[in-house]
PDB file of all heavy atoms in Angstrom:
ATOM      1  N   LYS A   1     226.103  87.864 142.737  1.00  0.00           N
ATOM      2  CA  LYS A   1     226.009  88.706 141.541  1.00  0.00           C
ATOM      3  C   LYS A   1     225.379  87.933 140.387  1.00  0.00           C
ATOM      4  O   LYS A   1     224.622  88.499 139.590  1.00  0.00           O
ATOM      5  CB  LYS A   1     227.388  89.230 141.143  1.00  0.00           C
ATOM      6  CG  LYS A   1     227.321  90.232 139.986  1.00  0.00           C
ATOM      7  CD  LYS A   1     228.663  90.865 139.697  1.00  0.00           C
ATOM      8  CE  LYS A   1     228.518  91.885 138.558  1.00  0.00           C
ATOM      9  NZ  LYS A   1     229.800  92.535 138.235  1.00  0.00           N
ATOM     10  N   ASP A   2     225.682  86.654 140.291  1.00  0.00           N
ATOM     11  CA  ASP A   2     225.094  85.836 139.231  1.00  0.00           C
ATOM     12  C   ASP A   2     223.577  85.750 139.375  1.00  0.00           C
ATOM     13  O   ASP A   2     222.849  85.738 138.391  1.00  0.00           O
ATOM     14  CB  ASP A   2     225.704  84.426 139.265  1.00  0.00           C
ATOM     15  CG  ASP A   2     225.203  83.553 138.124  1.00  0.00           C
ATOM     16  OD1 ASP A   2     225.349  83.964 136.957  1.00  0.00           O
ATOM     17  OD2 ASP A   2     224.648  82.466 138.398  1.00  0.00           O
ATOM     18  N   MET A   3     223.085  85.731 140.621  1.00  0.00           N
ATOM     19  CA  MET A   3     221.650  85.596 140.846  1.00  0.00           C
ATOM     20  C   MET A   3     220.920  86.926 140.730  1.00  0.00           C
ATOM     21  O   MET A   3     219.879  87.025 140.078  1.00  0.00           O
ATOM     22  CB  MET A   3     221.383  84.985 142.221  1.00  0.00           C
ATOM     23  CG  MET A   3     219.899  84.678 142.467  1.00  0.00           C
ATOM     24  SD  MET A   3     219.559  83.802 144.007  1.00  0.00           S
ATOM     25  CE  MET A   3     219.387  85.181 145.144  1.00  0.00           C
ATOM     26  N   LEU A   4     221.450  88.000 141.341  1.00  0.00           N
ATOM     27  CA  LEU A   4     220.728  89.260 141.436  1.00  0.00           C
ATOM     28  C   LEU A   4     221.259  90.371 140.531  1.00  0.00           C
ATOM     29  O   LEU A   4     220.598  91.391 140.344  1.00  0.00           O
ATOM     30  CB  LEU A   4     220.711  89.751 142.884  1.00  0.00           C
ATOM     31  CG  LEU A   4     219.882  88.922 143.868  1.00  0.00           C
ATOM     32  CD1 LEU A   4     219.944  89.529 145.250  1.00  0.00           C
ATOM     33  CD2 LEU A   4     218.436  88.829 143.423  1.00  0.00           C
ATOM     34  N   GLY A   5     222.471  90.192 140.031  1.00  0.00           N
ATOM     35  CA  GLY A   5     223.027  91.212 139.150  1.00  0.00           C
ATOM     36  C   GLY A   5     223.813  92.293 139.860  1.00  0.00           C
ATOM     37  O   GLY A   5     224.382  93.175 139.221  1.00  0.00           O
ATOM     38  N   TYR A   6     223.874  92.254 141.193  1.00  0.00           N
ATOM     39  CA  TYR A   6     224.624  93.233 141.982  1.00  0.00           C
ATOM     40  C   TYR A   6     225.655  92.507 142.837  1.00  0.00           C
ATOM     41  O   TYR A   6     225.369  91.432 143.385  1.00  0.00           O
ATOM     42  CB  TYR A   6     223.712  94.010 142.941  1.00  0.00           C
ATOM     43  CG  TYR A   6     222.619  94.805 142.298  1.00  0.00           C
ATOM     44  CD1 TYR A   6     221.289  94.596 142.654  1.00  0.00           C
ATOM     45  CD2 TYR A   6     222.900  95.784 141.355  1.00  0.00           C
ATOM     46  CE1 TYR A   6     220.264  95.340 142.080  1.00  0.00           C
ATOM     47  CE2 TYR A   6     221.886  96.520 140.778  1.00  0.00           C
ATOM     48  CZ  TYR A   6     220.569  96.298 141.139  1.00  0.00           C
ATOM     49  OH  TYR A   6     219.566  97.026 140.564  1.00  0.00           O
ATOM     50  N   PRO A   7     226.844  93.085 143.041  1.00  0.00           N
ATOM     51  CA  PRO A   7     227.739  92.573 144.085  1.00  0.00           C
ATOM     52  C   PRO A   7     227.082  92.766 145.445  1.00  0.00           C
ATOM     53  O   PRO A   7     226.242  93.672 145.610  1.00  0.00           O
ATOM     54  CB  PRO A   7     228.995  93.458 143.944  1.00  0.00           C
ATOM     55  CG  PRO A   7     228.886  94.090 142.597  1.00  0.00           C
ATOM     56  CD  PRO A   7     227.429  94.219 142.306  1.00  0.00           C
ATOM     57  N   PRO A   8     227.411  91.949 146.436  1.00  0.00           N
ATOM     58  CA  PRO A   8     226.743  92.025 147.740  1.00  0.00           C
ATOM     59  C   PRO A   8     226.761  93.408 148.388  1.00  0.00           C
ATOM     60  O   PRO A   8     225.734  93.868 148.906  1.00  0.00           O
ATOM     61  CB  PRO A   8     227.515  91.004 148.590  1.00  0.00           C
ATOM     62  CG  PRO A   8     228.035  90.023 147.616  1.00  0.00           C
ATOM     63  CD  PRO A   8     228.355  90.820 146.379  1.00  0.00           C
ATOM     64  N   MET A   9     227.905  94.093 148.361  1.00  0.00           N
ATOM     65  CA  MET A   9     227.974  95.376 149.048  1.00  0.00           C
ATOM     66  C   MET A   9     227.203  96.474 148.305  1.00  0.00           C
ATOM     67  O   MET A   9     226.668  97.393 148.921  1.00  0.00           O
ATOM     68  CB  MET A   9     229.439  95.792 149.258  1.00  0.00           C
ATOM     69  CG  MET A   9     230.233  94.820 150.132  1.00  0.00           C
ATOM     70  SD  MET A   9     229.350  94.340 151.652  1.00  0.00           S
ATOM     71  CE  MET A   9     229.230  95.903 152.506  1.00  0.00           C
ATOM     72  N   GLN A  10     227.120  96.353 146.972  1.00  0.00           N
ATOM     73  CA  GLN A  10     226.298  97.310 146.233  1.00  0.00           C
ATOM     74  C   GLN A  10     224.827  97.057 146.521  1.00  0.00           C
ATOM     75  O   GLN A  10     224.033  98.009 146.646  1.00  0.00           O
ATOM     76  CB  GLN A  10     226.556  97.202 144.733  1.00  0.00           C
ATOM     77  CG  GLN A  10     225.803  98.254 143.930  1.00  0.00           C
ATOM     78  CD  GLN A  10     226.030  98.157 142.437  1.00  0.00           C
ATOM     79  OE1 GLN A  10     226.943  97.486 141.982  1.00  0.00           O
ATOM     80  NE2 GLN A  10     225.201  98.822 141.672  1.00  0.00           N
ATOM     81  N   TYR A  11     224.463  95.805 146.648  1.00  0.00           N
ATOM     82  CA  TYR A  11     223.085  95.463 147.023  1.00  0.00           C
ATOM     83  C   TYR A  11     222.753  96.068 148.383  1.00  0.00           C
ATOM     84  O   TYR A  11     221.670  96.663 148.563  1.00  0.00           O
ATOM     85  CB  TYR A  11     222.930  93.944 147.051  1.00  0.00           C
ATOM     86  CG  TYR A  11     221.578  93.456 147.535  1.00  0.00           C
ATOM     87  CD1 TYR A  11     220.526  93.279 146.647  1.00  0.00           C
ATOM     88  CD2 TYR A  11     221.363  93.153 148.876  1.00  0.00           C
ATOM     89  CE1 TYR A  11     219.281  92.825 147.090  1.00  0.00           C
ATOM     90  CE2 TYR A  11     220.126  92.703 149.325  1.00  0.00           C
ATOM     91  CZ  TYR A  11     219.098  92.539 148.428  1.00  0.00           C
ATOM     92  OH  TYR A  11     217.874  92.084 148.875  1.00  0.00           O
ATOM     93  N   ALA A  12     223.648  95.921 149.349  1.00  0.00           N
ATOM     94  CA  ALA A  12     223.413  96.471 150.697  1.00  0.00           C
ATOM     95  C   ALA A  12     223.258  97.992 150.644  1.00  0.00           C
ATOM     96  O   ALA A  12     222.393  98.562 151.326  1.00  0.00           O
ATOM     97  CB  ALA A  12     224.562  96.084 151.625  1.00  0.00           C
ATOM     98  N   LEU A  13     224.081  98.651 149.831  1.00  0.00           N
ATOM     99  CA  LEU A  13     223.985 100.107 149.714  1.00  0.00           C
ATOM    100  C   LEU A  13     222.657 100.508 149.063  1.00  0.00           C
ATOM    101  O   LEU A  13     222.001 101.461 149.506  1.00  0.00           O
ATOM    102  CB  LEU A  13     225.160 100.643 148.892  1.00  0.00           C
ATOM    103  CG  LEU A  13     225.179 102.153 148.639  1.00  0.00           C
ATOM    104  CD1 LEU A  13     225.127 102.931 149.950  1.00  0.00           C
ATOM    105  CD2 LEU A  13     226.406 102.549 147.823  1.00  0.00           C
ATOM    106  N   ARG A  14     222.244  99.774 148.037  1.00  0.00           N
ATOM    107  CA  ARG A  14     220.958 100.073 147.397  1.00  0.00           C
ATOM    108  C   ARG A  14     219.807  99.863 148.375  1.00  0.00           C
ATOM    109  O   ARG A  14     218.801 100.579 148.337  1.00  0.00           O
ATOM    110  CB  ARG A  14     220.778  99.216 146.140  1.00  0.00           C
ATOM    111  CG  ARG A  14     221.731  99.573 145.005  1.00  0.00           C
ATOM    112  CD  ARG A  14     221.481  98.707 143.776  1.00  0.00           C
ATOM    113  NE  ARG A  14     220.269  99.099 143.072  1.00  0.00           N
ATOM    114  CZ  ARG A  14     220.203 100.046 142.136  1.00  0.00           C
ATOM    115  NH1 ARG A  14     221.297 100.717 141.785  1.00  0.00           N
ATOM    116  NH2 ARG A  14     219.064 100.331 141.546  1.00  0.00           N
ATOM    117  N   LYS A  15     219.937  98.881 149.258  1.00  0.00           N
ATOM    118  CA  LYS A  15     218.916  98.688 150.289  1.00  0.00           C
ATOM    119  C   LYS A  15     218.843  99.908 151.209  1.00  0.00           C
ATOM    120  O   LYS A  15     217.750 100.352 151.587  1.00  0.00           O
ATOM    121  CB  LYS A  15     219.234  97.439 151.119  1.00  0.00           C
ATOM    122  CG  LYS A  15     218.911  96.128 150.433  1.00  0.00           C
ATOM    123  CD  LYS A  15     217.434  95.763 150.578  1.00  0.00           C
ATOM    124  CE  LYS A  15     217.082  95.404 151.995  1.00  0.00           C
ATOM    125  NZ  LYS A  15     215.662  94.983 152.136  1.00  0.00           N
ATOM    126  N   LYS A  16     219.988 100.455 151.587  1.00  0.00           N
ATOM    127  CA  LYS A  16     220.013 101.651 152.426  1.00  0.00           C
ATOM    128  C   LYS A  16     219.314 102.821 151.724  1.00  0.00           C
ATOM    129  O   LYS A  16     218.492 103.534 152.318  1.00  0.00           O
ATOM    130  CB  LYS A  16     221.462 102.045 152.746  1.00  0.00           C
ATOM    131  CG  LYS A  16     222.192 101.158 153.740  1.00  0.00           C
ATOM    132  CD  LYS A  16     223.634 101.650 153.894  1.00  0.00           C
ATOM    133  CE  LYS A  16     224.450 100.780 154.812  1.00  0.00           C
ATOM    134  NZ  LYS A  16     224.132 101.010 156.231  1.00  0.00           N
ATOM    135  N   ILE A  17     219.661 103.022 150.448  1.00  0.00           N
ATOM    136  CA  ILE A  17     219.071 104.117 149.692  1.00  0.00           C
ATOM    137  C   ILE A  17     217.571 103.896 149.528  1.00  0.00           C
ATOM    138  O   ILE A  17     216.762 104.831 149.643  1.00  0.00           O
ATOM    139  CB  ILE A  17     219.748 104.264 148.317  1.00  0.00           C
ATOM    140  CG1 ILE A  17     221.254 104.560 148.474  1.00  0.00           C
ATOM    141  CG2 ILE A  17     219.066 105.359 147.493  1.00  0.00           C
ATOM    142  CD1 ILE A  17     221.572 105.850 149.178  1.00  0.00           C
ATOM    143  N   GLY A  18     217.172 102.649 149.261  1.00  0.00           N
ATOM    144  CA  GLY A  18     215.753 102.345 149.125  1.00  0.00           C
ATOM    145  C   GLY A  18     214.978 102.610 150.400  1.00  0.00           C
ATOM    146  O   GLY A  18     213.861 103.150 150.373  1.00  0.00           O
ATOM    147  N   GLU A  19     215.563 102.238 151.534  1.00  0.00           N
ATOM    148  CA  GLU A  19     214.908 102.511 152.817  1.00  0.00           C
ATOM    149  C   GLU A  19     214.815 104.016 153.057  1.00  0.00           C
ATOM    150  O   GLU A  19     213.806 104.519 153.561  1.00  0.00           O
ATOM    151  CB  GLU A  19     215.690 101.843 153.949  1.00  0.00           C
ATOM    152  CG  GLU A  19     215.161 102.111 155.348  1.00  0.00           C
ATOM    153  CD  GLU A  19     213.763 101.580 155.588  1.00  0.00           C
ATOM    154  OE1 GLU A  19     213.291 100.730 154.815  1.00  0.00           O
ATOM    155  OE2 GLU A  19     213.123 102.022 156.569  1.00  0.00           O
ATOM    156  N   ALA A  20     215.870 104.745 152.679  1.00  0.00           N
ATOM    157  CA  ALA A  20     215.835 106.206 152.817  1.00  0.00           C
ATOM    158  C   ALA A  20     214.724 106.802 151.962  1.00  0.00           C
ATOM    159  O   ALA A  20     214.017 107.729 152.399  1.00  0.00           O
ATOM    160  CB  ALA A  20     217.187 106.796 152.419  1.00  0.00           C
ATOM    161  N   GLN A  21     214.541 106.287 150.744  1.00  0.00           N
ATOM    162  CA  GLN A  21     213.455 106.784 149.892  1.00  0.00           C
ATOM    163  C   GLN A  21     212.090 106.558 150.547  1.00  0.00           C
ATOM    164  O   GLN A  21     211.224 107.433 150.511  1.00  0.00           O
ATOM    165  CB  GLN A  21     213.507 106.071 148.533  1.00  0.00           C
ATOM    166  CG  GLN A  21     214.663 106.523 147.653  1.00  0.00           C
ATOM    167  CD  GLN A  21     214.660 105.785 146.328  1.00  0.00           C
ATOM    168  OE1 GLN A  21     214.617 104.561 146.283  1.00  0.00           O
ATOM    169  NE2 GLN A  21     214.692 106.529 145.236  1.00  0.00           N
ATOM    170  N   THR A  22     211.916 105.382 151.135  1.00  0.00           N
ATOM    171  CA  THR A  22     210.651 105.089 151.816  1.00  0.00           C
ATOM    172  C   THR A  22     210.391 106.096 152.927  1.00  0.00           C
ATOM    173  O   THR A  22     209.277 106.610 153.082  1.00  0.00           O
ATOM    174  CB  THR A  22     210.676 103.661 152.394  1.00  0.00           C
ATOM    175  OG1 THR A  22     210.812 102.719 151.331  1.00  0.00           O
ATOM    176  CG2 THR A  22     209.404 103.357 153.176  1.00  0.00           C
ATOM    177  N   LEU A  23     211.415 106.406 153.702  1.00  0.00           N
ATOM    178  CA  LEU A  23     211.267 107.351 154.796  1.00  0.00           C
ATOM    179  C   LEU A  23     211.022 108.769 154.282  1.00  0.00           C
ATOM    180  O   LEU A  23     210.238 109.534 154.861  1.00  0.00           O
ATOM    181  CB  LEU A  23     212.509 107.310 155.688  1.00  0.00           C
ATOM    182  CG  LEU A  23     212.733 105.993 156.454  1.00  0.00           C
ATOM    183  CD1 LEU A  23     214.114 105.966 157.089  1.00  0.00           C
ATOM    184  CD2 LEU A  23     211.656 105.796 157.518  1.00  0.00           C
ATOM    185  N   LEU A  24     211.670 109.129 153.182  1.00  0.00           N
ATOM    186  CA  LEU A  24     211.458 110.453 152.594  1.00  0.00           C
ATOM    187  C   LEU A  24     210.029 110.612 152.088  1.00  0.00           C
ATOM    188  O   LEU A  24     209.424 111.685 152.214  1.00  0.00           O
ATOM    189  CB  LEU A  24     212.445 110.682 151.442  1.00  0.00           C
ATOM    190  CG  LEU A  24     213.899 110.940 151.826  1.00  0.00           C
ATOM    191  CD1 LEU A  24     214.806 110.784 150.619  1.00  0.00           C
ATOM    192  CD2 LEU A  24     214.064 112.333 152.435  1.00  0.00           C
ATOM    193  N   ILE A  25     209.483 109.540 151.520  1.00  0.00           N
ATOM    194  CA  ILE A  25     208.142 109.595 150.956  1.00  0.00           C
ATOM    195  C   ILE A  25     207.073 109.588 152.045  1.00  0.00           C
ATOM    196  O   ILE A  25     206.083 110.304 151.978  1.00  0.00           O
ATOM    197  CB  ILE A  25     207.919 108.396 150.004  1.00  0.00           C
ATOM    198  CG1 ILE A  25     208.803 108.532 148.767  1.00  0.00           C
ATOM    199  CG2 ILE A  25     206.454 108.281 149.589  1.00  0.00           C
ATOM    200  CD1 ILE A  25     208.873 107.263 147.939  1.00  0.00           C
ATOM    201  N   SER A  26     207.277 108.760 153.060  1.00  0.00           N
ATOM    202  CA  SER A  26     206.173 108.435 153.972  1.00  0.00           C
ATOM    203  C   SER A  26     206.285 109.041 155.366  1.00  0.00           C
ATOM    204  O   SER A  26     205.398 108.829 156.190  1.00  0.00           O
ATOM    205  CB  SER A  26     206.056 106.906 154.104  1.00  0.00           C
ATOM    206  OG  SER A  26     207.257 106.357 154.631  1.00  0.00           O
ATOM    207  N   THR A  27     207.369 109.778 155.667  1.00  0.00           N
ATOM    208  CA  THR A  27     207.515 110.375 156.989  1.00  0.00           C
ATOM    209  C   THR A  27     207.935 111.829 156.874  1.00  0.00           C
ATOM    210  O   THR A  27     208.280 112.314 155.791  1.00  0.00           O
ATOM    211  CB  THR A  27     208.576 109.632 157.843  1.00  0.00           C
ATOM    212  OG1 THR A  27     209.906 110.003 157.391  1.00  0.00           O
ATOM    213  CG2 THR A  27     208.414 108.120 157.759  1.00  0.00           C
ATOM    214  N   ASP A  28     207.948 112.506 158.014  1.00  0.00           N
ATOM    215  CA  ASP A  28     208.409 113.896 158.072  1.00  0.00           C
ATOM    216  C   ASP A  28     209.766 114.022 158.767  1.00  0.00           C
ATOM    217  O   ASP A  28     210.158 115.112 159.172  1.00  0.00           O
ATOM    218  CB  ASP A  28     207.385 114.762 158.804  1.00  0.00           C
ATOM    219  CG  ASP A  28     206.088 114.900 158.025  1.00  0.00           C
ATOM    220  OD1 ASP A  28     206.162 115.025 156.787  1.00  0.00           O
ATOM    221  OD2 ASP A  28     205.005 114.870 158.638  1.00  0.00           O
ATOM    222  N   TYR A  29     210.478 112.914 158.912  1.00  0.00           N
ATOM    223  CA  TYR A  29     211.815 112.991 159.487  1.00  0.00           C
ATOM    224  C   TYR A  29     212.697 113.899 158.641  1.00  0.00           C
ATOM    225  O   TYR A  29     212.572 113.947 157.402  1.00  0.00           O
ATOM    226  CB  TYR A  29     212.471 111.614 159.550  1.00  0.00           C
ATOM    227  CG  TYR A  29     211.873 110.668 160.561  1.00  0.00           C
ATOM    228  CD1 TYR A  29     211.365 109.431 160.168  1.00  0.00           C
ATOM    229  CD2 TYR A  29     211.824 110.994 161.914  1.00  0.00           C
ATOM    230  CE1 TYR A  29     210.817 108.552 161.095  1.00  0.00           C
ATOM    231  CE2 TYR A  29     211.277 110.125 162.842  1.00  0.00           C
ATOM    232  CZ  TYR A  29     210.777 108.908 162.435  1.00  0.00           C
ATOM    233  OH  TYR A  29     210.230 108.047 163.347  1.00  0.00           O
ATOM    234  N   SER A  30     213.620 114.609 159.287  1.00  0.00           N
ATOM    235  CA  SER A  30     214.558 115.448 158.545  1.00  0.00           C
ATOM    236  C   SER A  30     215.533 114.559 157.779  1.00  0.00           C
ATOM    237  O   SER A  30     215.698 113.364 158.089  1.00  0.00           O
ATOM    238  CB  SER A  30     215.337 116.351 159.502  1.00  0.00           C
ATOM    239  OG  SER A  30     216.222 115.581 160.295  1.00  0.00           O
ATOM    240  N   ILE A  31     216.184 115.125 156.787  1.00  0.00           N
ATOM    241  CA  ILE A  31     217.136 114.357 155.982  1.00  0.00           C
ATOM    242  C   ILE A  31     218.308 113.880 156.838  1.00  0.00           C
ATOM    243  O   ILE A  31     218.788 112.752 156.683  1.00  0.00           O
ATOM    244  CB  ILE A  31     217.621 115.196 154.789  1.00  0.00           C
ATOM    245  CG1 ILE A  31     216.447 115.435 153.826  1.00  0.00           C
ATOM    246  CG2 ILE A  31     218.772 114.509 154.057  1.00  0.00           C
ATOM    247  CD1 ILE A  31     216.731 116.370 152.687  1.00  0.00           C
ATOM    248  N   SER A  32     218.754 114.694 157.776  1.00  0.00           N
ATOM    249  CA  SER A  32     219.848 114.271 158.658  1.00  0.00           C
ATOM    250  C   SER A  32     219.419 113.091 159.537  1.00  0.00           C
ATOM    251  O   SER A  32     220.203 112.160 159.768  1.00  0.00           O
ATOM    252  CB  SER A  32     220.332 115.434 159.522  1.00  0.00           C
ATOM    253  OG  SER A  32     219.295 115.905 160.361  1.00  0.00           O
ATOM    254  N   GLN A  33     218.177 113.107 160.010  1.00  0.00           N
ATOM    255  CA  GLN A  33     217.671 111.983 160.802  1.00  0.00           C
ATOM    256  C   GLN A  33     217.596 110.718 159.963  1.00  0.00           C
ATOM    257  O   GLN A  33     217.991 109.630 160.414  1.00  0.00           O
ATOM    258  CB  GLN A  33     216.273 112.315 161.353  1.00  0.00           C
ATOM    259  CG  GLN A  33     216.258 113.306 162.502  1.00  0.00           C
ATOM    260  CD  GLN A  33     214.832 113.664 162.911  1.00  0.00           C
ATOM    261  OE1 GLN A  33     213.990 114.026 162.076  1.00  0.00           O
ATOM    262  NE2 GLN A  33     214.545 113.558 164.202  1.00  0.00           N
ATOM    263  N   ILE A  34     217.127 110.850 158.745  1.00  0.00           N
ATOM    264  CA  ILE A  34     217.005 109.687 157.861  1.00  0.00           C
ATOM    265  C   ILE A  34     218.387 109.121 157.534  1.00  0.00           C
ATOM    266  O   ILE A  34     218.582 107.896 157.511  1.00  0.00           O
ATOM    267  CB  ILE A  34     216.237 110.063 156.581  1.00  0.00           C
ATOM    268  CG1 ILE A  34     214.766 110.324 156.926  1.00  0.00           C
ATOM    269  CG2 ILE A  34     216.355 108.978 155.513  1.00  0.00           C
ATOM    270  CD1 ILE A  34     213.934 110.876 155.781  1.00  0.00           C
ATOM    271  N   ALA A  35     219.351 110.001 157.306  1.00  0.00           N
ATOM    272  CA  ALA A  35     220.721 109.532 157.031  1.00  0.00           C
ATOM    273  C   ALA A  35     221.235 108.664 158.170  1.00  0.00           C
ATOM    274  O   ALA A  35     221.825 107.598 157.945  1.00  0.00           O
ATOM    275  CB  ALA A  35     221.642 110.734 156.807  1.00  0.00           C
TER     276      ALA A  35
END
């Protein structure tokens, strides 16, 4: 948290959401598939 500003598990969750955004933008997968 001192280095990145996020607790580790919040960072991991933001990574999941970020990857989901990439898939939403760049693919035609359904939202359930992306989840």
